[in-house]
Structure formats: structure tokens, C-alpha cells
């Protein structure tokens, strides 16, 4: 899968996505992730990418021309017929869900646009954006961190990124419930011992215990999922 991120701060993107599991998937050639600096497409001698909004108001707005030029350069490197979608990270979008991440993971190319300042010229949204996605009902200073969240949630569903499909098929949310509690050594920590059922080798009993714990945990913490 190829992911192109349009941003004013490519170093923020690279600092997150070049590490850990996603970074290893890129090194292995399973993923291709490119952070494109929108400022490189400004025709202003000072490389400005923003301006004051028509009608007045607080702050500055990202201008349409540099964003559009960056987008066109990215599209020119995408094969004809490839399944592609342009997503704008925005608090006005629908909140990201696991099912949405799964849907996006089936694309060939994903283009993510990161806003900044007071947002972007509405004409860009009307012209190139297929979908707006939010990572929650709160406001951040820019779209870079939400973009990284989206890339992480989508990328881990790509075959080969995780070592085993069960890593994401039976975990919290994906399976429809929260995940059961888990433990590792030492056997006793601060007076709390690992549940006895997990210390034995009866896998049938362990699975029954885990399922019961998952149901109880979901009812307690996220009853909306039941």
C-alpha cells in the first residue's frame, strides 16, 4: 500500500512513522509512506502557504494553490485505475472507527491532507477531498498527529505488517468486545497473583475464562459496544 501525506511539517510525520512496527514494514517494502511538504509548492518568494480569510476572522487560512499543486504532483505518480481516496483530517469529519480503518486498508493508495492554522480554503475540500475524518471530538493544532493515528490504524491491517492476523482479529474493538486482561512474569506482584486458571495448561478453560472476562470488561467499561 502507498500512503502520501500532504503536510507543512513532514518531519513530524517521519519522526512517528519511521519507528517501530510501521517503520519496519516500510523497510520491508510492505508499505510506502511519503510525507510531502506543501510549502515546496508555494510560488511566493517567502514560501508562504497561508493568508487572511475573506470576511475577516481570527488566524490565518491555508491557501488553495500550494495544496492543489502538491496534490497534483502526488496524483501524477499514482497508476491509472488504482483504488485511491483522499482524506482530510478534520474535527468536522466522522470519527475514526476500526471498520473505517479496515475499509481504507483495502485501498491501493491513500492520500491524507493535514490542515493547520485555522484550516484550509473550502474549495480544496470541494475539489479534491473524498472524505473528512476526525480522531475525536477535540481540537488540535494541526492534522499531523491525527494523520499518524490514521496511518497506524490502517497500516497494521495490511497483510504482513503484523506477524499474525490474530494480532488484530481478536484484540479489543476488532472482535466487538474489549480484550481480556493479560499477565506476564513475575507470578506475584505487589501481593497480586496471576489468576490460577492462566497458570495451568488447560487451554479450553483459559479460553472460557478469557471470553467471560472480555464480556464483563466490555459491560463495565464500554457498554455501548454490547
C-alpha atoms as a PDB file:
ATOM      1  CA  UNK A   1       0.000   0.000   0.000  1.00  0.00           C
ATOM      2  CA  UNK A   2       1.170   3.506  -0.774  1.00  0.00           C
ATOM      3  CA  UNK A   3       0.329   6.375   1.578  1.00  0.00           C
ATOM      4  CA  UNK A   4       1.026  10.007   0.693  1.00  0.00           C
ATOM      5  CA  UNK A   5       0.680  12.681   3.374  1.00  0.00           C
ATOM      6  CA  UNK A   6       0.370  16.339   2.404  1.00  0.00           C
ATOM      7  CA  UNK A   7       1.657  18.470   5.261  1.00  0.00           C
ATOM      8  CA  UNK A   8       3.535  21.576   6.335  1.00  0.00           C
ATOM      9  CA  UNK A   9       5.548  19.544   8.838  1.00  0.00           C
ATOM     10  CA  UNK A  10       6.925  16.378   7.201  1.00  0.00           C
ATOM     11  CA  UNK A  11       9.480  15.927   9.979  1.00  0.00           C
ATOM     12  CA  UNK A  12       6.636  15.376  12.468  1.00  0.00           C
ATOM     13  CA  UNK A  13       5.229  12.641  10.251  1.00  0.00           C
ATOM     14  CA  UNK A  14       8.584  10.972   9.649  1.00  0.00           C
ATOM     15  CA  UNK A  15       9.529  11.058  13.331  1.00  0.00           C
ATOM     16  CA  UNK A  16       6.498   8.934  14.189  1.00  0.00           C
ATOM     17  CA  UNK A  17       6.089   6.647  11.187  1.00  0.00           C
ATOM     18  CA  UNK A  18       9.749   5.743  10.696  1.00  0.00           C
ATOM     19  CA  UNK A  19       9.792   3.890  14.024  1.00  0.00           C
ATOM     20  CA  UNK A  20       8.557   0.587  15.435  1.00  0.00           C
ATOM     21  CA  UNK A  21       6.221  -1.722  13.503  1.00  0.00           C
ATOM     22  CA  UNK A  22       5.265   0.784  10.809  1.00  0.00           C
ATOM     23  CA  UNK A  23       8.896   1.716  10.207  1.00  0.00           C
ATOM     24  CA  UNK A  24       9.866  -1.935   9.846  1.00  0.00           C
ATOM     25  CA  UNK A  25       7.028  -2.501   7.367  1.00  0.00           C
ATOM     26  CA  UNK A  26       8.328   0.404   5.281  1.00  0.00           C
ATOM     27  CA  UNK A  27      11.862  -1.005   5.396  1.00  0.00           C
ATOM     28  CA  UNK A  28      10.499  -4.392   4.290  1.00  0.00           C
ATOM     29  CA  UNK A  29       8.704  -2.839   1.329  1.00  0.00           C
ATOM     30  CA  UNK A  30       5.230  -3.768   2.570  1.00  0.00           C
ATOM     31  CA  UNK A  31       4.291  -0.108   2.908  1.00  0.00           C
ATOM     32  CA  UNK A  32       5.383   3.031   1.113  1.00  0.00           C
ATOM     33  CA  UNK A  33       4.829   6.207   3.121  1.00  0.00           C
ATOM     34  CA  UNK A  34       5.763   9.621   1.767  1.00  0.00           C
ATOM     35  CA  UNK A  35       5.405  12.950   3.581  1.00  0.00           C
ATOM     36  CA  UNK A  36       5.161  15.816   1.054  1.00  0.00           C
ATOM     37  CA  UNK A  37       5.911  19.365   2.145  1.00  0.00           C
ATOM     38  CA  UNK A  38       3.130  21.627   0.857  1.00  0.00           C
ATOM     39  CA  UNK A  39       5.433  24.612   1.312  1.00  0.00           C
ATOM     40  CA  UNK A  40       7.620  23.276  -1.517  1.00  0.00           C
ATOM     41  CA  UNK A  41       4.751  24.064  -3.891  1.00  0.00           C
ATOM     42  CA  UNK A  42       4.327  27.703  -2.906  1.00  0.00           C
ATOM     43  CA  UNK A  43       5.074  30.253  -5.631  1.00  0.00           C
ATOM     44  CA  UNK A  44       5.580  33.022  -3.064  1.00  0.00           C
ATOM     45  CA  UNK A  45       9.206  34.121  -2.697  1.00  0.00           C
ATOM     46  CA  UNK A  46       8.910  33.657   1.064  1.00  0.00           C
ATOM     47  CA  UNK A  47       7.254  30.233   0.588  1.00  0.00           C
ATOM     48  CA  UNK A  48       4.057  31.427   2.244  1.00  0.00           C
ATOM     49  CA  UNK A  49       1.189  28.977   2.226  1.00  0.00           C
ATOM     50  CA  UNK A  50      -1.413  30.928   4.209  1.00  0.00           C
ATOM     51  CA  UNK A  51      -3.360  34.159   4.050  1.00  0.00           C
ATOM     52  CA  UNK A  52      -6.066  36.080   5.894  1.00  0.00           C
ATOM     53  CA  UNK A  53      -9.625  34.771   5.414  1.00  0.00           C
ATOM     54  CA  UNK A  54     -12.148  36.682   3.343  1.00  0.00           C
ATOM     55  CA  UNK A  55     -14.783  38.230   5.570  1.00  0.00           C
ATOM     56  CA  UNK A  56     -12.350  38.601   8.469  1.00  0.00           C
ATOM     57  CA  UNK A  57     -11.868  36.423  11.492  1.00  0.00           C
ATOM     58  CA  UNK A  58      -9.133  35.123  13.725  1.00  0.00           C
ATOM     59  CA  UNK A  59      -5.959  33.496  12.428  1.00  0.00           C
ATOM     60  CA  UNK A  60      -4.705  32.516   9.013  1.00  0.00           C
ATOM     61  CA  UNK A  61      -6.053  30.061   6.465  1.00  0.00           C
ATOM     62  CA  UNK A  62      -4.075  27.669   4.294  1.00  0.00           C
ATOM     63  CA  UNK A  63      -4.361  28.814   0.676  1.00  0.00           C
ATOM     64  CA  UNK A  64      -5.647  26.554  -2.087  1.00  0.00           C
ATOM     65  CA  UNK A  65      -2.918  26.841  -4.792  1.00  0.00           C
ATOM     66  CA  UNK A  66       0.037  25.224  -2.961  1.00  0.00           C
ATOM     67  CA  UNK A  67      -2.150  22.410  -1.630  1.00  0.00           C
ATOM     68  CA  UNK A  68      -3.595  21.741  -5.059  1.00  0.00           C
ATOM     69  CA  UNK A  69      -0.163  21.769  -6.732  1.00  0.00           C
ATOM     70  CA  UNK A  70       1.156  19.316  -4.138  1.00  0.00           C
ATOM     71  CA  UNK A  71      -1.876  17.094  -4.659  1.00  0.00           C
ATOM     72  CA  UNK A  72      -1.463  17.090  -8.446  1.00  0.00           C
ATOM     73  CA  UNK A  73       2.202  16.114  -8.126  1.00  0.00           C
ATOM     74  CA  UNK A  74       1.229  13.177  -5.916  1.00  0.00           C
ATOM     75  CA  UNK A  75      -1.598  12.070  -8.230  1.00  0.00           C
ATOM     76  CA  UNK A  76       0.748  12.084 -11.197  1.00  0.00           C
ATOM     77  CA  UNK A  77       2.705   9.285  -9.504  1.00  0.00           C
ATOM     78  CA  UNK A  78      -0.308   7.052  -8.933  1.00  0.00           C
ATOM     79  CA  UNK A  79      -1.119   4.412 -11.526  1.00  0.00           C
ATOM     80  CA  UNK A  80      -4.311   4.716 -13.524  1.00  0.00           C
ATOM     81  CA  UNK A  81      -7.065   2.545 -12.102  1.00  0.00           C
ATOM     82  CA  UNK A  82      -5.521   2.288  -8.641  1.00  0.00           C
ATOM     83  CA  UNK A  83      -8.045   2.393  -5.803  1.00  0.00           C
ATOM     84  CA  UNK A  84      -7.325   5.778  -4.260  1.00  0.00           C
ATOM     85  CA  UNK A  85      -9.013   8.011  -1.713  1.00  0.00           C
ATOM     86  CA  UNK A  86      -8.175  11.497  -0.417  1.00  0.00           C
ATOM     87  CA  UNK A  87      -8.837  12.008   3.291  1.00  0.00           C
ATOM     88  CA  UNK A  88      -8.734  15.351   5.087  1.00  0.00           C
ATOM     89  CA  UNK A  89      -8.062  15.147   8.836  1.00  0.00           C
ATOM     90  CA  UNK A  90     -10.694  17.430  10.326  1.00  0.00           C
ATOM     91  CA  UNK A  91     -12.713  17.773  13.550  1.00  0.00           C
ATOM     92  CA  UNK A  92     -15.723  18.160  11.260  1.00  0.00           C
ATOM     93  CA  UNK A  93     -15.294  14.645   9.869  1.00  0.00           C
ATOM     94  CA  UNK A  94     -16.790  11.378  11.063  1.00  0.00           C
ATOM     95  CA  UNK A  95     -14.895   9.887  13.992  1.00  0.00           C
ATOM     96  CA  UNK A  96     -12.403   7.207  13.017  1.00  0.00           C
ATOM     97  CA  UNK A  97     -13.520   3.642  13.765  1.00  0.00           C
ATOM     98  CA  UNK A  98     -11.933   0.236  13.331  1.00  0.00           C
ATOM     99  CA  UNK A  99     -14.330  -0.554  10.499  1.00  0.00           C
ATOM    100  CA  UNK A 100     -13.271   2.625   8.690  1.00  0.00           C
ATOM    101  CA  UNK A 101      -9.601   1.683   9.151  1.00  0.00           C
ATOM    102  CA  UNK A 102     -10.365  -1.736   7.669  1.00  0.00           C
ATOM    103  CA  UNK A 103     -12.137  -0.129   4.696  1.00  0.00           C
ATOM    104  CA  UNK A 104      -9.200   2.188   3.988  1.00  0.00           C
ATOM    105  CA  UNK A 105      -6.687  -0.662   4.325  1.00  0.00           C
ATOM    106  CA  UNK A 106      -8.164  -2.217   1.181  1.00  0.00           C
ATOM    107  CA  UNK A 107      -7.133   0.741  -0.989  1.00  0.00           C
ATOM    108  CA  UNK A 108      -4.071   0.789  -3.219  1.00  0.00           C
ATOM    109  CA  UNK A 109      -3.281   4.406  -2.405  1.00  0.00           C
ATOM    110  CA  UNK A 110      -4.310   6.653   0.454  1.00  0.00           C
ATOM    111  CA  UNK A 111      -3.699  10.404   0.287  1.00  0.00           C
ATOM    112  CA  UNK A 112      -4.014  12.275   3.591  1.00  0.00           C
ATOM    113  CA  UNK A 113      -4.241  16.053   3.805  1.00  0.00           C
ATOM    114  CA  UNK A 114      -3.179  17.761   7.033  1.00  0.00           C
ATOM    115  CA  UNK A 115      -4.608  21.186   7.784  1.00  0.00           C
ATOM    116  CA  UNK A 116      -3.046  23.793  10.036  1.00  0.00           C
ATOM    117  CA  UNK A 117      -3.717  27.279  11.398  1.00  0.00           C
ATOM    118  CA  UNK A 118      -7.465  27.943  11.075  1.00  0.00           C
ATOM    119  CA  UNK A 119      -7.917  25.248   8.430  1.00  0.00           C
ATOM    120  CA  UNK A 120      -7.849  25.236   4.636  1.00  0.00           C
ATOM    121  CA  UNK A 121      -9.655  27.022   1.830  1.00  0.00           C
ATOM    122  CA  UNK A 122     -13.056  25.345   1.419  1.00  0.00           C
ATOM    123  CA  UNK A 123     -12.521  24.999  -2.322  1.00  0.00           C
ATOM    124  CA  UNK A 124      -9.794  22.420  -1.716  1.00  0.00           C
ATOM    125  CA  UNK A 125     -12.246  20.271   0.231  1.00  0.00           C
ATOM    126  CA  UNK A 126     -14.797  20.619  -2.553  1.00  0.00           C
ATOM    127  CA  UNK A 127     -12.263  19.847  -5.291  1.00  0.00           C
ATOM    128  CA  UNK A 128     -10.039  17.003  -4.079  1.00  0.00           C
ATOM    129  CA  UNK A 129     -11.252  15.582  -0.750  1.00  0.00           C
ATOM    130  CA  UNK A 130     -13.286  12.367  -0.760  1.00  0.00           C
ATOM    131  CA  UNK A 131     -13.805  12.115   2.972  1.00  0.00           C
ATOM    132  CA  UNK A 132     -13.146  14.028   6.180  1.00  0.00           C
ATOM    133  CA  UNK A 133     -12.082  12.016   9.229  1.00  0.00           C
ATOM    134  CA  UNK A 134     -11.744  13.062  12.864  1.00  0.00           C
ATOM    135  CA  UNK A 135      -9.829  11.249  15.598  1.00  0.00           C
ATOM    136  CA  UNK A 136     -12.102  12.585  18.321  1.00  0.00           C
ATOM    137  CA  UNK A 137     -14.269  15.441  19.486  1.00  0.00           C
ATOM    138  CA  UNK A 138     -11.466  17.808  20.398  1.00  0.00           C
ATOM    139  CA  UNK A 139      -9.315  20.310  18.515  1.00  0.00           C
ATOM    140  CA  UNK A 140      -5.564  20.011  17.852  1.00  0.00           C
ATOM    141  CA  UNK A 141      -3.087  22.491  16.407  1.00  0.00           C
ATOM    142  CA  UNK A 142      -2.789  20.596  13.126  1.00  0.00           C
ATOM    143  CA  UNK A 143      -3.603  17.428  11.239  1.00  0.00           C
ATOM    144  CA  UNK A 144      -0.203  15.757  11.548  1.00  0.00           C
ATOM    145  CA  UNK A 145      -0.818  13.762  14.738  1.00  0.00           C
ATOM    146  CA  UNK A 146      -4.292  12.644  13.556  1.00  0.00           C
ATOM    147  CA  UNK A 147      -2.720  11.612  10.233  1.00  0.00           C
ATOM    148  CA  UNK A 148      -0.207   9.446  12.073  1.00  0.00           C
ATOM    149  CA  UNK A 149      -3.023   7.842  14.056  1.00  0.00           C
ATOM    150  CA  UNK A 150      -4.912   7.093  10.857  1.00  0.00           C
ATOM    151  CA  UNK A 151      -1.829   5.640   9.158  1.00  0.00           C
ATOM    152  CA  UNK A 152      -1.051   3.450  12.169  1.00  0.00           C
ATOM    153  CA  UNK A 153      -4.609   2.104  12.442  1.00  0.00           C
ATOM    154  CA  UNK A 154      -4.782   1.382   8.708  1.00  0.00           C
ATOM    155  CA  UNK A 155      -1.259   0.044   8.203  1.00  0.00           C
ATOM    156  CA  UNK A 156      -1.419  -2.626  10.895  1.00  0.00           C
ATOM    157  CA  UNK A 157      -4.303  -4.233   8.966  1.00  0.00           C
ATOM    158  CA  UNK A 158      -2.179  -4.677   5.830  1.00  0.00           C
ATOM    159  CA  UNK A 159      -1.095  -8.338   5.443  1.00  0.00           C
ATOM    160  CA  UNK A 160       2.488  -8.773   6.557  1.00  0.00           C
ATOM    161  CA  UNK A 161       2.700  -5.668   8.746  1.00  0.00           C
ATOM    162  CA  UNK A 162       1.888  -7.663  11.885  1.00  0.00           C
ATOM    163  CA  UNK A 163       3.367 -11.101  12.391  1.00  0.00           C
ATOM    164  CA  UNK A 164      -0.015 -12.834  12.624  1.00  0.00           C
ATOM    165  CA  UNK A 165      -3.524 -11.798  11.586  1.00  0.00           C
ATOM    166  CA  UNK A 166      -4.754 -12.860  15.027  1.00  0.00           C
ATOM    167  CA  UNK A 167      -2.843  -9.877  16.411  1.00  0.00           C
ATOM    168  CA  UNK A 168      -5.616  -7.613  15.162  1.00  0.00           C
ATOM    169  CA  UNK A 169      -8.531 -10.026  14.693  1.00  0.00           C
ATOM    170  CA  UNK A 170      -9.022 -10.958  18.347  1.00  0.00           C
ATOM    171  CA  UNK A 171      -7.921  -7.754  20.064  1.00  0.00           C
ATOM    172  CA  UNK A 172     -10.047  -5.030  21.628  1.00  0.00           C
ATOM    173  CA  UNK A 173     -12.675  -3.389  19.386  1.00  0.00           C
ATOM    174  CA  UNK A 174     -11.849  -5.553  16.328  1.00  0.00           C
ATOM    175  CA  UNK A 175     -13.647  -8.563  17.783  1.00  0.00           C
ATOM    176  CA  UNK A 176     -16.586  -6.488  19.007  1.00  0.00           C
ATOM    177  CA  UNK A 177     -15.524  -6.504  22.663  1.00  0.00           C
ATOM    178  CA  UNK A 178     -12.700  -5.206  24.789  1.00  0.00           C
ATOM    179  CA  UNK A 179      -9.750  -7.513  25.238  1.00  0.00           C
ATOM    180  CA  UNK A 180      -9.423  -9.738  28.304  1.00  0.00           C
ATOM    181  CA  UNK A 181      -6.810  -8.877  30.983  1.00  0.00           C
ATOM    182  CA  UNK A 182      -3.310 -10.244  30.400  1.00  0.00           C
ATOM    183  CA  UNK A 183      -0.353 -11.000  32.658  1.00  0.00           C
ATOM    184  CA  UNK A 184       3.332 -11.861  32.462  1.00  0.00           C
ATOM    185  CA  UNK A 185       6.129 -12.612  34.945  1.00  0.00           C
ATOM    186  CA  UNK A 186       6.546 -12.251  37.873  1.00  0.00           C
ATOM    187  CA  UNK A 187       3.843 -14.577  39.150  1.00  0.00           C
ATOM    188  CA  UNK A 188       3.205 -12.319  42.156  1.00  0.00           C
ATOM    189  CA  UNK A 189       3.496  -8.523  42.026  1.00  0.00           C
ATOM    190  CA  UNK A 190       2.701  -6.263  44.980  1.00  0.00           C
ATOM    191  CA  UNK A 191       0.736  -9.091  46.541  1.00  0.00           C
ATOM    192  CA  UNK A 192      -1.350  -9.688  43.415  1.00  0.00           C
ATOM    193  CA  UNK A 193      -1.052 -13.132  41.830  1.00  0.00           C
ATOM    194  CA  UNK A 194      -1.755 -14.140  38.251  1.00  0.00           C
ATOM    195  CA  UNK A 195      -5.188 -15.863  38.084  1.00  0.00           C
ATOM    196  CA  UNK A 196      -4.853 -19.582  38.746  1.00  0.00           C
ATOM    197  CA  UNK A 197      -6.566 -20.610  35.508  1.00  0.00           C
ATOM    198  CA  UNK A 198      -3.753 -18.999  33.490  1.00  0.00           C
ATOM    199  CA  UNK A 199      -1.091 -20.902  35.392  1.00  0.00           C
ATOM    200  CA  UNK A 200      -2.313 -24.280  34.180  1.00  0.00           C
ATOM    201  CA  UNK A 201      -2.217 -25.785  30.730  1.00  0.00           C
ATOM    202  CA  UNK A 202      -5.933 -26.290  30.170  1.00  0.00           C
ATOM    203  CA  UNK A 203      -6.399 -24.168  27.048  1.00  0.00           C
ATOM    204  CA  UNK A 204     -10.132 -24.804  26.876  1.00  0.00           C
ATOM    205  CA  UNK A 205     -10.617 -23.417  30.376  1.00  0.00           C
ATOM    206  CA  UNK A 206      -8.310 -20.499  29.579  1.00  0.00           C
ATOM    207  CA  UNK A 207     -10.371 -19.579  26.507  1.00  0.00           C
ATOM    208  CA  UNK A 208     -13.599 -19.771  28.525  1.00  0.00           C
ATOM    209  CA  UNK A 209     -12.071 -17.542  31.216  1.00  0.00           C
ATOM    210  CA  UNK A 210     -10.816 -15.026  28.660  1.00  0.00           C
ATOM    211  CA  UNK A 211     -14.190 -14.819  26.927  1.00  0.00           C
ATOM    212  CA  UNK A 212     -16.003 -14.275  30.228  1.00  0.00           C
ATOM    213  CA  UNK A 213     -13.502 -11.595  31.246  1.00  0.00           C
ATOM    214  CA  UNK A 214     -13.872  -9.849  27.881  1.00  0.00           C
ATOM    215  CA  UNK A 215     -17.660  -9.751  28.218  1.00  0.00           C
ATOM    216  CA  UNK A 216     -17.518  -8.449  31.795  1.00  0.00           C
ATOM    217  CA  UNK A 217     -14.885  -5.847  30.951  1.00  0.00           C
ATOM    218  CA  UNK A 218     -16.888  -4.606  27.961  1.00  0.00           C
ATOM    219  CA  UNK A 219     -20.087  -4.318  30.006  1.00  0.00           C
ATOM    220  CA  UNK A 220     -18.239  -2.342  32.669  1.00  0.00           C
ATOM    221  CA  UNK A 221     -16.049  -0.052  30.539  1.00  0.00           C
ATOM    222  CA  UNK A 222     -17.796   0.192  27.157  1.00  0.00           C
ATOM    223  CA  UNK A 223     -21.416  -0.937  27.447  1.00  0.00           C
ATOM    224  CA  UNK A 224     -22.099   0.878  24.179  1.00  0.00           C
ATOM    225  CA  UNK A 225     -20.272  -1.944  22.391  1.00  0.00           C
ATOM    226  CA  UNK A 226     -22.606  -4.656  23.684  1.00  0.00           C
END
